[in-house]
Amino acid sequence: MLKNIKKSLFVFALGFTALTLQGCSPEIGSKEWCADMKEKPKGEWTANEAKEFTKNCLL
């Protein structure tokens, strides 16, 4: 019984942490997002990030 409670609490904490970290990212296309992308190595960009950067930050 105690093992199931610990497991449930762990899963809840993990999910809560993931949702919290997701909410910390700036909105795509914002000045903050563009600045973050300029700092991020180009080799780590996804195709969608490159497209959005070109559309929102260069043009």
C-alpha atoms as a PDB file:
ATOM      1  CA  MET A   1       0.000   0.000   0.000  1.00  0.00           C
ATOM      2  CA  LEU A   2       2.725   2.485   1.027  1.00  0.00           C
ATOM      3  CA  LYS A   3       4.710   1.545  -2.079  1.00  0.00           C
ATOM      4  CA  ASN A   4       1.757   2.483  -4.323  1.00  0.00           C
ATOM      5  CA  ILE A   5       1.358   5.854  -2.593  1.00  0.00           C
ATOM      6  CA  LYS A   6       5.058   6.640  -3.050  1.00  0.00           C
ATOM      7  CA  LYS A   7       4.873   5.654  -6.708  1.00  0.00           C
ATOM      8  CA  SER A   8       1.788   7.824  -7.260  1.00  0.00           C
ATOM      9  CA  LEU A   9       3.425  10.822  -5.586  1.00  0.00           C
ATOM     10  CA  PHE A  10       6.558  10.361  -7.686  1.00  0.00           C
ATOM     11  CA  VAL A  11       4.558  10.230 -10.934  1.00  0.00           C
ATOM     12  CA  PHE A  12       2.571  13.316  -9.908  1.00  0.00           C
ATOM     13  CA  ALA A  13       5.744  15.247  -9.011  1.00  0.00           C
ATOM     14  CA  LEU A  14       7.381  14.271 -12.290  1.00  0.00           C
ATOM     15  CA  GLY A  15       4.353  15.373 -14.303  1.00  0.00           C
ATOM     16  CA  PHE A  16       4.055  18.633 -12.385  1.00  0.00           C
ATOM     17  CA  THR A  17       7.732  19.400 -12.977  1.00  0.00           C
ATOM     18  CA  ALA A  18       7.401  18.749 -16.712  1.00  0.00           C
ATOM     19  CA  LEU A  19       4.375  21.036 -16.992  1.00  0.00           C
ATOM     20  CA  THR A  20       6.064  23.764 -14.961  1.00  0.00           C
ATOM     21  CA  LEU A  21       9.183  23.733 -17.122  1.00  0.00           C
ATOM     22  CA  GLN A  22       7.105  23.857 -20.291  1.00  0.00           C
ATOM     23  CA  GLY A  23       5.433  27.040 -19.120  1.00  0.00           C
ATOM     24  CA  CYS A  24       8.781  28.793 -18.708  1.00  0.00           C
ATOM     25  CA  SER A  25       9.623  28.954 -22.404  1.00  0.00           C
ATOM     26  CA  PRO A  26       9.019  32.271 -24.165  1.00  0.00           C
ATOM     27  CA  GLU A  27       6.349  32.389 -26.861  1.00  0.00           C
ATOM     28  CA  ILE A  28       7.618  31.449 -30.315  1.00  0.00           C
ATOM     29  CA  GLY A  29       8.323  34.580 -32.323  1.00  0.00           C
ATOM     30  CA  SER A  30       8.684  36.885 -29.313  1.00  0.00           C
ATOM     31  CA  LYS A  31      11.783  39.044 -28.812  1.00  0.00           C
ATOM     32  CA  GLU A  32      12.835  36.800 -25.914  1.00  0.00           C
ATOM     33  CA  TRP A  33      12.464  33.674 -28.054  1.00  0.00           C
ATOM     34  CA  CYS A  34      14.526  35.236 -30.857  1.00  0.00           C
ATOM     35  CA  ALA A  35      17.249  36.158 -28.362  1.00  0.00           C
ATOM     36  CA  ASP A  36      17.244  32.614 -26.939  1.00  0.00           C
ATOM     37  CA  MET A  37      17.528  31.144 -30.430  1.00  0.00           C
ATOM     38  CA  LYS A  38      20.477  33.419 -31.274  1.00  0.00           C
ATOM     39  CA  GLU A  39      22.264  32.009 -28.205  1.00  0.00           C
ATOM     40  CA  LYS A  40      21.385  28.369 -29.010  1.00  0.00           C
ATOM     41  CA  PRO A  41      23.915  26.524 -31.233  1.00  0.00           C
ATOM     42  CA  LYS A  42      22.567  26.248 -34.787  1.00  0.00           C
ATOM     43  CA  GLY A  43      23.240  22.498 -34.820  1.00  0.00           C
ATOM     44  CA  GLU A  44      20.645  22.031 -32.069  1.00  0.00           C
ATOM     45  CA  TRP A  45      17.820  23.811 -33.908  1.00  0.00           C
ATOM     46  CA  THR A  46      14.905  21.773 -35.214  1.00  0.00           C
ATOM     47  CA  ALA A  47      13.554  22.379 -38.712  1.00  0.00           C
ATOM     48  CA  ASN A  48      10.483  24.072 -37.216  1.00  0.00           C
ATOM     49  CA  GLU A  49      12.628  26.345 -35.039  1.00  0.00           C
ATOM     50  CA  ALA A  50      14.713  27.394 -38.052  1.00  0.00           C
ATOM     51  CA  LYS A  51      11.563  28.139 -40.049  1.00  0.00           C
ATOM     52  CA  GLU A  52       9.993  30.172 -37.229  1.00  0.00           C
ATOM     53  CA  PHE A  53      13.261  32.035 -36.582  1.00  0.00           C
ATOM     54  CA  THR A  54      13.498  33.026 -40.238  1.00  0.00           C
ATOM     55  CA  LYS A  55       9.852  34.066 -40.358  1.00  0.00           C
ATOM     56  CA  ASN A  56       9.737  35.988 -37.057  1.00  0.00           C
ATOM     57  CA  CYS A  57      13.255  37.191 -36.350  1.00  0.00           C
ATOM     58  CA  LEU A  58      14.861  37.901 -39.728  1.00  0.00           C
ATOM     59  CA  LEU A  59      12.030  39.118 -41.944  1.00  0.00           C
END
